[in-house]
Amino acid sequence: MALRRGEEPAANLEGRNFQRVERLLAMILLAQQPTASLVEKVKTLRSAGLSNPEIGSMLGMSGSAVGKTFYDATKRSAQKKKKKR
């Protein structure tokens, strides 16, 4: 069956709908933490399995900025643990 102009294969539509549901769930997750800092939001979304570019698009930053934020947060956490010992 040939596709009409402007139509997409069903597989593409299903994938797009799945991505939309993923984004909605991530936004609900963020809405549950209205006073969370940027670092906490990044950590939460990373633990939910989202990639840096996906997180960046939700938080209005680049994927590399998300990676740097996460790296700095884990680095600080490791330093605090080291001082306690």
N, C-alpha and C. Protein backbone atom coordinates (compact mmCIF):
# COMPACT_ATOMS: atom_id res chain seq x y z
N MET A 1 0.85 -1.18 0.00
CA MET A 1 0.00 0.00 0.00
C MET A 1 0.89 1.24 0.00
N ALA A 2 0.64 2.11 -0.91
CA ALA A 2 1.44 3.32 -1.04
C ALA A 2 0.98 4.38 -0.03
N LEU A 3 1.95 5.14 0.45
CA LEU A 3 1.64 6.21 1.39
C LEU A 3 1.25 7.47 0.62
N ARG A 4 0.31 8.18 1.15
CA ARG A 4 -0.07 9.47 0.56
C ARG A 4 0.96 10.51 0.97
N ARG A 5 0.96 11.61 0.26
CA ARG A 5 1.88 12.69 0.59
C ARG A 5 1.59 13.18 2.01
N GLY A 6 2.64 13.32 2.82
CA GLY A 6 2.48 13.81 4.20
C GLY A 6 2.23 12.71 5.21
N GLU A 7 1.99 11.47 4.74
CA GLU A 7 1.77 10.36 5.67
C GLU A 7 3.11 9.73 6.02
N GLU A 8 3.15 9.15 7.21
CA GLU A 8 4.34 8.45 7.66
C GLU A 8 3.99 6.99 7.88
N PRO A 9 4.98 6.10 7.78
CA PRO A 9 4.72 4.70 8.10
C PRO A 9 4.27 4.56 9.54
N ALA A 10 3.49 3.52 9.81
CA ALA A 10 2.95 3.31 11.16
C ALA A 10 4.06 3.18 12.20
N ALA A 11 5.17 2.56 11.83
CA ALA A 11 6.27 2.39 12.78
C ALA A 11 6.82 3.73 13.24
N ASN A 12 6.91 4.70 12.33
CA ASN A 12 7.40 6.04 12.70
C ASN A 12 6.43 6.73 13.65
N LEU A 13 5.14 6.56 13.40
CA LEU A 13 4.15 7.19 14.27
C LEU A 13 4.18 6.58 15.67
N GLU A 14 4.34 5.27 15.75
CA GLU A 14 4.41 4.61 17.05
C GLU A 14 5.63 5.08 17.82
N GLY A 15 6.76 5.19 17.15
CA GLY A 15 7.98 5.67 17.79
C GLY A 15 7.83 7.10 18.29
N ARG A 16 7.18 7.92 17.49
CA ARG A 16 6.98 9.32 17.88
C ARG A 16 6.04 9.41 19.08
N ASN A 17 4.99 8.59 19.10
CA ASN A 17 4.07 8.59 20.24
C ASN A 17 4.77 8.12 21.50
N PHE A 18 5.65 7.11 21.37
CA PHE A 18 6.39 6.63 22.52
C PHE A 18 7.30 7.73 23.07
N GLN A 19 7.94 8.47 22.19
CA GLN A 19 8.80 9.57 22.63
C GLN A 19 7.98 10.65 23.33
N ARG A 20 6.80 10.90 22.83
CA ARG A 20 5.93 11.90 23.45
C ARG A 20 5.53 11.47 24.86
N VAL A 21 5.21 10.21 25.03
CA VAL A 21 4.84 9.69 26.35
C VAL A 21 6.03 9.78 27.30
N GLU A 22 7.22 9.44 26.80
CA GLU A 22 8.43 9.55 27.61
C GLU A 22 8.64 10.98 28.10
N ARG A 23 8.48 11.94 27.20
CA ARG A 23 8.66 13.36 27.57
C ARG A 23 7.62 13.79 28.59
N LEU A 24 6.38 13.36 28.41
CA LEU A 24 5.33 13.72 29.36
C LEU A 24 5.63 13.16 30.75
N LEU A 25 6.06 11.92 30.80
CA LEU A 25 6.40 11.32 32.10
C LEU A 25 7.58 12.04 32.76
N ALA A 26 8.55 12.42 31.96
CA ALA A 26 9.69 13.16 32.50
C ALA A 26 9.25 14.52 33.03
N MET A 27 8.35 15.18 32.33
CA MET A 27 7.86 16.49 32.79
C MET A 27 7.05 16.34 34.08
N ILE A 28 6.29 15.27 34.19
CA ILE A 28 5.55 15.00 35.44
C ILE A 28 6.54 14.77 36.58
N LEU A 29 7.59 14.03 36.30
CA LEU A 29 8.62 13.78 37.29
C LEU A 29 9.24 15.08 37.78
N LEU A 30 9.52 16.00 36.86
CA LEU A 30 10.07 17.30 37.24
C LEU A 30 9.06 18.14 38.01
N ALA A 31 7.79 18.04 37.66
CA ALA A 31 6.75 18.82 38.34
C ALA A 31 6.58 18.37 39.79
N GLN A 32 6.96 17.14 40.08
CA GLN A 32 6.87 16.63 41.45
C GLN A 32 7.94 17.23 42.35
N GLN A 33 8.92 17.90 41.75
CA GLN A 33 10.03 18.50 42.49
C GLN A 33 10.13 19.99 42.17
N PRO A 34 9.17 20.80 42.59
CA PRO A 34 9.17 22.21 42.18
C PRO A 34 10.34 23.02 42.76
N THR A 35 10.87 22.62 43.90
CA THR A 35 11.96 23.39 44.51
C THR A 35 13.32 22.74 44.31
N ALA A 36 13.39 21.72 43.47
CA ALA A 36 14.66 21.02 43.25
C ALA A 36 15.64 21.91 42.50
N SER A 37 16.90 21.76 42.84
CA SER A 37 17.94 22.51 42.13
C SER A 37 18.17 21.88 40.76
N LEU A 38 18.92 22.57 39.94
CA LEU A 38 19.24 22.07 38.60
C LEU A 38 19.98 20.74 38.69
N VAL A 39 20.90 20.64 39.63
CA VAL A 39 21.66 19.40 39.80
C VAL A 39 20.73 18.24 40.18
N GLU A 40 19.80 18.49 41.07
CA GLU A 40 18.86 17.44 41.47
C GLU A 40 17.97 17.01 40.31
N LYS A 41 17.55 17.97 39.50
CA LYS A 41 16.73 17.65 38.33
C LYS A 41 17.52 16.79 37.34
N VAL A 42 18.78 17.17 37.10
CA VAL A 42 19.62 16.41 36.18
C VAL A 42 19.81 14.99 36.71
N LYS A 43 20.10 14.86 38.00
CA LYS A 43 20.29 13.53 38.58
C LYS A 43 19.03 12.69 38.47
N THR A 44 17.88 13.29 38.72
CA THR A 44 16.62 12.57 38.64
C THR A 44 16.35 12.07 37.23
N LEU A 45 16.54 12.94 36.25
CA LEU A 45 16.28 12.55 34.87
C LEU A 45 17.30 11.53 34.36
N ARG A 46 18.55 11.65 34.83
CA ARG A 46 19.56 10.65 34.46
C ARG A 46 19.19 9.29 35.04
N SER A 47 18.71 9.28 36.29
CA SER A 47 18.33 8.01 36.90
C SER A 47 17.09 7.40 36.23
N ALA A 48 16.30 8.24 35.55
CA ALA A 48 15.15 7.75 34.79
C ALA A 48 15.56 7.20 33.44
N GLY A 49 16.84 7.34 33.08
CA GLY A 49 17.35 6.75 31.85
C GLY A 49 17.40 7.67 30.65
N LEU A 50 17.22 8.96 30.85
CA LEU A 50 17.27 9.90 29.73
C LEU A 50 18.72 10.26 29.42
N SER A 51 18.98 10.56 28.16
CA SER A 51 20.33 10.94 27.75
C SER A 51 20.55 12.43 28.00
N ASN A 52 21.80 12.85 27.93
CA ASN A 52 22.12 14.26 28.16
C ASN A 52 21.40 15.21 27.19
N PRO A 53 21.37 14.91 25.88
CA PRO A 53 20.64 15.82 24.98
C PRO A 53 19.14 15.89 25.29
N GLU A 54 18.55 14.76 25.69
CA GLU A 54 17.13 14.76 26.04
C GLU A 54 16.88 15.61 27.28
N ILE A 55 17.75 15.47 28.27
CA ILE A 55 17.62 16.26 29.50
C ILE A 55 17.82 17.73 29.17
N GLY A 56 18.81 18.02 28.35
CA GLY A 56 19.08 19.39 27.97
C GLY A 56 17.91 20.06 27.28
N SER A 57 17.24 19.33 26.41
CA SER A 57 16.10 19.93 25.72
C SER A 57 14.96 20.23 26.69
N MET A 58 14.83 19.45 27.74
CA MET A 58 13.78 19.70 28.74
C MET A 58 14.12 20.86 29.66
N LEU A 59 15.41 21.01 29.94
CA LEU A 59 15.83 22.03 30.90
C LEU A 59 16.36 23.29 30.22
N GLY A 60 16.35 23.32 28.91
CA GLY A 60 16.79 24.51 28.18
C GLY A 60 18.29 24.72 28.19
N MET A 61 19.04 23.64 28.06
CA MET A 61 20.49 23.73 28.02
C MET A 61 21.02 22.69 27.03
N SER A 62 22.30 22.75 26.73
CA SER A 62 22.86 21.79 25.79
C SER A 62 23.16 20.47 26.48
N GLY A 63 23.33 19.43 25.69
CA GLY A 63 23.66 18.12 26.24
C GLY A 63 25.01 18.12 26.93
N SER A 64 25.96 18.87 26.39
CA SER A 64 27.29 18.92 27.02
C SER A 64 27.23 19.67 28.35
N ALA A 65 26.37 20.67 28.46
CA ALA A 65 26.20 21.38 29.73
C ALA A 65 25.59 20.47 30.78
N VAL A 66 24.68 19.60 30.35
CA VAL A 66 24.08 18.63 31.28
C VAL A 66 25.16 17.67 31.76
N GLY A 67 25.99 17.18 30.84
CA GLY A 67 27.08 16.28 31.21
C GLY A 67 28.05 16.92 32.19
N LYS A 68 28.38 18.17 31.95
CA LYS A 68 29.29 18.90 32.85
C LYS A 68 28.66 19.08 34.22
N THR A 69 27.37 19.41 34.26
CA THR A 69 26.66 19.58 35.53
C THR A 69 26.68 18.28 36.31
N PHE A 70 26.39 17.17 35.63
CA PHE A 70 26.37 15.87 36.30
C PHE A 70 27.77 15.47 36.77
N TYR A 71 28.77 15.72 35.94
CA TYR A 71 30.15 15.39 36.30
C TYR A 71 30.58 16.19 37.53
N ASP A 72 30.31 17.48 37.53
CA ASP A 72 30.69 18.32 38.68
C ASP A 72 29.99 17.86 39.95
N ALA A 73 28.72 17.48 39.84
CA ALA A 73 27.97 17.03 41.02
C ALA A 73 28.54 15.73 41.58
N THR A 74 28.88 14.80 40.70
CA THR A 74 29.44 13.53 41.18
C THR A 74 30.85 13.72 41.71
N LYS A 75 31.59 14.65 41.14
CA LYS A 75 32.95 14.94 41.61
C LYS A 75 32.90 15.52 43.02
N ARG A 76 31.96 16.48 43.23
CA ARG A 76 31.80 17.07 44.57
C ARG A 76 31.37 16.01 45.58
N SER A 77 30.50 15.12 45.18
CA SER A 77 30.01 14.07 46.06
C SER A 77 31.16 13.15 46.47
N ALA A 78 32.01 12.81 45.52
CA ALA A 78 33.16 11.94 45.80
C ALA A 78 34.14 12.63 46.75
N GLN A 79 34.33 13.93 46.60
CA GLN A 79 35.24 14.67 47.48
C GLN A 79 34.69 14.71 48.91
N LYS A 80 33.39 14.87 49.06
CA LYS A 80 32.78 14.89 50.39
C LYS A 80 32.96 13.54 51.08
N LYS A 81 32.77 12.46 50.33
CA LYS A 81 32.94 11.13 50.90
C LYS A 81 34.38 10.90 51.32
N LYS A 82 35.32 11.43 50.55
CA LYS A 82 36.74 11.27 50.84
C LYS A 82 37.11 12.00 52.14
N LYS A 83 36.52 13.18 52.35
CA LYS A 83 36.81 13.97 53.55
C LYS A 83 36.27 13.29 54.80
N LYS A 84 35.16 12.59 54.70
CA LYS A 84 34.56 11.92 55.86
C LYS A 84 35.44 10.80 56.37
N ARG A 85 36.23 10.19 55.53
CA ARG A 85 37.05 9.05 55.92
C ARG A 85 38.25 9.47 56.69
